[in-house]
Amino acid sequence: QPLSHDEVLEAGRQSATRMGSLLSAVIARL
């Protein structure tokens, strides 16, 4: 069954948050 629009947005928000913290960790190490 297809994902609802809200589910897609929520998944995107969660991955964006993960990428953000990953990037901050990398930048902090430079």
C-alpha atoms as a PDB file:
ATOM      1  CA  GLN A   1       0.000   0.000   0.000  1.00  0.00           C
ATOM      2  CA  PRO A   2       1.299   3.501  -0.819  1.00  0.00           C
ATOM      3  CA  LEU A   3       2.630   5.718   1.914  1.00  0.00           C
ATOM      4  CA  SER A   4       0.513   8.646   2.998  1.00  0.00           C
ATOM      5  CA  HIS A   5       1.844  12.155   2.466  1.00  0.00           C
ATOM      6  CA  ASP A   6       2.325  12.586   6.229  1.00  0.00           C
ATOM      7  CA  GLU A   7       4.369   9.389   6.469  1.00  0.00           C
ATOM      8  CA  VAL A   8       6.638  10.557   3.660  1.00  0.00           C
ATOM      9  CA  LEU A   9       7.135  13.941   5.343  1.00  0.00           C
ATOM     10  CA  GLU A  10       7.839  12.308   8.705  1.00  0.00           C
ATOM     11  CA  ALA A  11      10.416   9.944   7.201  1.00  0.00           C
ATOM     12  CA  GLY A  12      12.067  12.875   5.428  1.00  0.00           C
ATOM     13  CA  ARG A  13      12.154  14.905   8.620  1.00  0.00           C
ATOM     14  CA  GLN A  14      13.746  12.048  10.566  1.00  0.00           C
ATOM     15  CA  SER A  15      16.426  11.393   7.947  1.00  0.00           C
ATOM     16  CA  ALA A  16      17.133  15.134   7.697  1.00  0.00           C
ATOM     17  CA  THR A  17      17.625  15.253  11.469  1.00  0.00           C
ATOM     18  CA  ARG A  18      19.958  12.244  11.315  1.00  0.00           C
ATOM     19  CA  MET A  19      21.959  13.769   8.467  1.00  0.00           C
ATOM     20  CA  GLY A  20      22.139  17.073  10.350  1.00  0.00           C
ATOM     21  CA  SER A  21      23.597  15.531  13.494  1.00  0.00           C
ATOM     22  CA  LEU A  22      25.949  13.421  11.378  1.00  0.00           C
ATOM     23  CA  LEU A  23      27.157  16.555   9.575  1.00  0.00           C
ATOM     24  CA  SER A  24      27.648  18.456  12.832  1.00  0.00           C
ATOM     25  CA  ALA A  25      29.711  15.580  14.213  1.00  0.00           C
ATOM     26  CA  VAL A  26      31.908  15.571  11.100  1.00  0.00           C
ATOM     27  CA  ILE A  27      32.273  19.370  11.042  1.00  0.00           C
ATOM     28  CA  ALA A  28      33.111  19.478  14.752  1.00  0.00           C
ATOM     29  CA  ARG A  29      35.956  17.034  14.113  1.00  0.00           C
ATOM     30  CA  LEU A  30      37.552  19.122  11.346  1.00  0.00           C
END
